[in-house]
Amino acid sequence: MKQRVRAILITPDNTMLLMKRIRPGIAPYWVIVGGGVEDSDATREDALLREVREEIAGEAEIVHLLHQLENPKGEPEYFYVARIKRWNFDDKTGPEFQRDDRGEYFLDEIPLTTEALADVNLLPEEITHVLRAALERGDLLTAL
């Protein structure tokens, strides 16, 4: 079974980078940058850093694992908090961006607040609740 990794990318301005997805026949939604762990990845963390490079041409520093869940396909997904200092969405190289059947992708930078999270349809819904709770407790940024 494939494992998946996601990076909750916190910028120097304490905003969060999210990927907006627009697909025909589906309301727009946002996801956290990341993807599948490949056989060539030594660790989940290596896979996560590779995904950040592919999807947003970024260099991130992983801070800690925030949450793990099982997605609807039964795959484990690991959500890490990470700091990112630079990125360039125009230089993305991930294979998903080459496919016409995947819809459109946009990189959004949103304030790291519960109000901003409420304004986006962030999936999976469980991670939205985890992020809101961490923001309300004030401990999401403490380890950064």
Protein backbone atom coordinates (compact mmCIF):
# COMPACT_ATOMS: atom_id res chain seq x y z
CA MET A 1 0.00 0.00 0.00
CA LYS A 2 1.34 3.41 -0.97
CA GLN A 3 2.13 5.95 1.73
CA ARG A 4 1.47 9.65 1.20
CA VAL A 5 3.20 12.67 2.69
CA ARG A 6 2.07 16.29 2.94
CA ALA A 7 3.89 19.49 3.95
CA ILE A 8 2.10 22.19 5.89
CA LEU A 9 4.40 24.86 4.48
CA ILE A 10 4.84 27.90 6.72
CA THR A 11 6.45 30.93 5.08
CA PRO A 12 8.69 33.55 6.74
CA ASP A 13 5.57 35.77 6.95
CA ASN A 14 3.73 33.03 8.90
CA THR A 15 1.36 32.28 6.05
CA MET A 16 0.64 28.84 4.66
CA LEU A 17 1.06 27.63 1.08
CA LEU A 18 -1.85 25.58 -0.27
CA MET A 19 -2.50 24.08 -3.69
CA LYS A 20 -5.85 25.16 -5.18
CA ARG A 21 -7.40 22.57 -7.46
CA ILE A 22 -9.95 23.35 -10.15
CA ARG A 23 -11.43 20.34 -11.89
CA PRO A 24 -14.40 20.19 -14.25
CA GLY A 25 -17.67 19.43 -12.50
CA ILE A 26 -16.21 19.77 -8.98
CA ALA A 27 -16.24 22.83 -6.71
CA PRO A 28 -12.74 24.31 -6.23
CA TYR A 29 -10.83 22.84 -3.32
CA TRP A 30 -7.41 23.19 -1.72
CA VAL A 31 -4.90 20.54 -0.70
CA ILE A 32 -1.62 20.51 1.15
CA VAL A 33 1.49 20.12 -1.01
CA GLY A 34 2.75 16.55 -1.19
CA GLY A 35 2.25 13.18 -2.78
CA GLY A 36 3.23 9.54 -2.78
CA VAL A 37 6.32 7.95 -1.31
CA GLU A 38 8.28 6.26 -4.11
CA ASP A 39 10.49 3.17 -3.83
CA SER A 40 13.47 5.41 -4.60
CA ASP A 41 12.79 7.59 -1.52
CA ALA A 42 14.94 6.55 1.45
CA THR A 43 12.42 7.89 4.00
CA ARG A 44 9.02 9.59 4.15
CA GLU A 45 10.83 12.83 4.91
CA ASP A 46 12.98 12.45 1.77
CA ALA A 47 9.80 11.86 -0.24
CA LEU A 48 8.25 14.99 1.24
CA LEU A 49 11.23 17.18 0.34
CA ARG A 50 11.21 15.72 -3.20
CA GLU A 51 7.49 16.49 -3.55
CA VAL A 52 8.04 20.09 -2.41
CA ARG A 53 10.82 20.47 -5.01
CA GLU A 54 8.65 18.97 -7.77
CA GLU A 55 5.40 20.76 -6.99
CA ILE A 56 6.59 24.27 -6.14
CA ALA A 57 10.35 24.28 -6.82
CA GLY A 58 10.82 24.92 -3.12
CA GLU A 59 13.29 24.01 -0.44
CA ALA A 60 11.72 23.21 2.91
CA GLU A 61 12.92 22.30 6.37
CA ILE A 62 10.77 19.71 8.11
CA VAL A 63 9.98 20.68 11.70
CA HIS A 64 7.78 17.85 12.99
CA LEU A 65 5.04 15.37 12.20
CA LEU A 66 1.68 16.94 13.06
CA HIS A 67 -0.87 14.29 12.13
CA GLN A 68 -1.43 10.93 10.47
CA LEU A 69 -4.67 9.71 8.92
CA GLU A 70 -5.95 7.04 6.57
CA ASN A 71 -7.34 8.37 3.30
CA PRO A 72 -10.45 6.93 1.58
CA LYS A 73 -8.22 4.56 -0.43
CA GLY A 74 -6.91 3.10 2.83
CA GLU A 75 -3.48 4.70 2.38
CA PRO A 76 -1.69 6.29 5.34
CA GLU A 77 -1.06 10.03 4.96
CA TYR A 78 1.50 11.85 7.08
CA PHE A 79 1.20 15.63 7.57
CA TYR A 80 4.40 17.42 8.53
CA VAL A 81 4.87 21.03 9.57
CA ALA A 82 7.70 22.56 7.56
CA ARG A 83 9.32 25.96 7.11
CA ILE A 84 9.83 27.20 3.56
CA LYS A 85 11.92 30.24 2.64
CA ARG A 86 11.74 30.22 -1.14
CA TRP A 87 9.61 28.66 -3.85
CA ASN A 88 8.71 29.30 -7.48
CA PHE A 89 5.49 27.73 -8.71
CA ASP A 90 6.43 28.65 -12.30
CA ASP A 91 9.32 26.16 -12.08
CA LYS A 92 7.21 23.19 -10.95
CA THR A 93 8.19 19.84 -12.48
CA GLY A 94 5.78 17.27 -11.04
CA PRO A 95 4.32 14.80 -13.55
CA GLU A 96 0.75 15.70 -12.57
CA PHE A 97 1.20 19.15 -14.10
CA GLN A 98 1.85 17.64 -17.54
CA ARG A 99 -1.51 15.87 -17.71
CA ASP A 100 -4.51 17.63 -19.27
CA ASP A 101 -7.00 15.41 -17.42
CA ARG A 102 -5.95 16.62 -13.94
CA GLY A 103 -7.54 20.08 -14.10
CA GLU A 104 -5.80 23.27 -13.03
CA TYR A 105 -3.41 23.92 -10.16
CA PHE A 106 -2.73 27.22 -8.44
CA LEU A 107 -0.52 27.98 -5.47
CA ASP A 108 -2.21 30.13 -2.82
CA GLU A 109 -0.62 31.80 0.17
CA ILE A 110 -3.18 32.19 2.94
CA PRO A 111 -2.95 33.75 6.41
CA LEU A 112 -2.34 31.21 9.13
CA THR A 113 -5.59 31.90 10.96
CA THR A 114 -8.74 29.95 11.71
CA GLU A 115 -10.71 32.55 9.73
CA ALA A 116 -8.60 32.04 6.60
CA LEU A 117 -8.93 28.25 6.92
CA ALA A 118 -12.70 28.66 7.12
CA ASP A 119 -12.64 30.54 3.80
CA VAL A 120 -11.13 27.64 1.81
CA ASN A 121 -12.42 24.15 1.13
CA LEU A 122 -9.29 22.39 2.42
CA LEU A 123 -9.28 18.64 1.95
CA PRO A 124 -9.20 16.24 3.59
CA GLU A 125 -11.62 17.74 6.08
CA GLU A 126 -9.88 16.00 8.98
CA ILE A 127 -6.68 18.01 8.47
CA THR A 128 -8.72 21.22 8.48
CA HIS A 129 -9.95 20.33 11.98
CA VAL A 130 -6.43 19.42 13.12
CA LEU A 131 -5.02 22.73 11.85
CA ARG A 132 -7.83 24.77 13.39
CA ALA A 133 -7.32 23.08 16.75
CA ALA A 134 -3.56 23.65 16.62
CA LEU A 135 -4.08 27.33 15.75
CA GLU A 136 -6.64 27.76 18.53
CA ARG A 137 -4.22 26.21 21.04
CA GLY A 138 -1.47 28.45 19.69
CA ASP A 139 0.99 25.59 19.32
CA LEU A 140 1.29 25.25 15.54
CA LEU A 141 4.07 27.84 15.32
CA THR A 142 5.75 27.25 18.67
CA ALA A 143 8.12 24.58 17.34
CA LEU A 144 9.17 26.79 14.44
